Amino acid sequence: MTAIEVVLSHERGRWRARGAGIDVAHEALREIDACMLRVLAREPGMDRAHVRFDLDALPVWLRQYQAHYCNYVLRARSAEASP
């Protein structure tokens, strides 16, 4: 199984995740994971994405909270089910 790296940024009022075959955008941050999971499900062998925040691209109003944001690993369901 393969792990890919995805960079999460904010452009024109939308969150955008890009990298290694993924390029999705949505207004709601919580919906980005669902969008990425749909792409991962279509790509055989891709079981997880290492998501990195582009701190320079965060909206100015969020920068005060940036210490609370962290990078994370998004795992596809098939990867979660395996031992």
Protein backbone atom coordinates (compact mmCIF):
# COMPACT_ATOMS: atom_id res chain seq x y z
CA MET A 1 0.00 0.00 0.00
CA THR A 2 1.12 3.53 -0.70
CA ALA A 3 1.06 6.68 1.37
CA ILE A 4 0.90 9.97 -0.49
CA GLU A 5 1.50 13.52 0.68
CA VAL A 6 -1.21 16.14 0.29
CA VAL A 7 -0.92 19.85 1.08
CA LEU A 8 -3.97 21.60 2.47
CA SER A 9 -4.33 25.29 1.67
CA HIS A 10 -7.04 27.94 1.57
CA GLU A 11 -7.80 29.79 -1.67
CA ARG A 12 -10.67 32.11 -2.58
CA GLY A 13 -12.84 31.04 0.33
CA ARG A 14 -12.33 27.32 -0.27
CA TRP A 15 -10.09 24.71 1.28
CA ARG A 16 -7.97 22.87 -1.26
CA ALA A 17 -6.06 19.60 -0.94
CA ARG A 18 -3.47 18.88 -3.62
CA GLY A 19 -0.79 16.31 -4.28
CA ALA A 20 -0.06 12.94 -5.86
CA GLY A 21 -3.23 12.69 -7.92
CA ILE A 22 -5.51 14.47 -5.47
CA ASP A 23 -6.86 17.92 -6.24
CA VAL A 24 -10.11 18.63 -4.38
CA ALA A 25 -11.69 21.76 -2.97
CA HIS A 26 -14.61 22.52 -0.69
CA GLU A 27 -15.89 25.45 1.36
CA ALA A 28 -16.05 23.38 4.55
CA LEU A 29 -12.84 22.08 6.08
CA ARG A 30 -14.62 19.04 7.52
CA GLU A 31 -15.70 17.96 4.02
CA ILE A 32 -12.16 17.87 2.60
CA ASP A 33 -11.45 14.48 4.21
CA ALA A 34 -14.54 12.99 2.57
CA CYS A 35 -13.46 14.39 -0.80
CA MET A 36 -9.96 12.95 -0.40
CA LEU A 37 -11.34 9.56 0.67
CA ARG A 38 -13.42 9.37 -2.50
CA VAL A 39 -10.27 9.90 -4.58
CA LEU A 40 -8.28 7.37 -2.54
CA ALA A 41 -11.04 4.80 -3.04
CA ARG A 42 -10.72 5.12 -6.83
CA GLU A 43 -6.94 4.65 -6.82
CA PRO A 44 -5.75 1.09 -6.22
CA GLY A 45 -2.90 0.87 -3.75
CA MET A 46 -3.46 4.28 -2.19
CA ASP A 47 -4.43 3.58 1.39
CA ARG A 48 -3.50 6.78 3.21
CA ALA A 49 -2.64 10.41 2.73
CA HIS A 50 -0.26 12.42 4.88
CA VAL A 51 -2.04 15.77 5.08
CA ARG A 52 0.12 18.85 5.70
CA PHE A 53 -1.24 22.33 6.31
CA ASP A 54 0.30 25.11 4.23
CA LEU A 55 0.50 27.53 7.16
CA ASP A 56 1.32 30.45 4.86
CA ALA A 57 -1.96 29.89 3.00
CA LEU A 58 -4.19 29.80 6.08
CA PRO A 59 -6.67 32.67 6.19
CA VAL A 60 -5.46 35.56 8.32
CA TRP A 61 -8.33 35.10 10.78
CA LEU A 62 -7.17 31.51 11.43
CA ARG A 63 -3.51 32.26 12.07
CA GLN A 64 -4.17 33.01 15.73
CA TYR A 65 -5.22 29.36 16.07
CA GLN A 66 -2.47 27.82 13.94
CA ALA A 67 -0.77 26.31 16.99
CA HIS A 68 -3.88 24.14 17.31
CA TYR A 69 -3.64 22.80 13.77
CA CYS A 70 -1.47 19.81 13.10
CA ASN A 71 -0.58 17.54 10.25
CA TYR A 72 -2.41 14.23 10.19
CA VAL A 73 -2.70 10.93 8.36
CA LEU A 74 -5.97 10.21 6.56
CA ARG A 75 -6.53 6.47 6.21
CA ALA A 76 -8.84 4.91 3.65
CA ARG A 77 -11.44 2.52 5.08
CA SER A 78 -9.78 -0.52 3.53
CA ALA A 79 -6.56 0.36 5.36
CA GLU A 80 -8.44 0.78 8.66
CA ALA A 81 -9.99 -2.66 8.29
CA SER A 82 -6.66 -4.42 7.79
CA PRO A 83 -4.51 -5.40 10.80
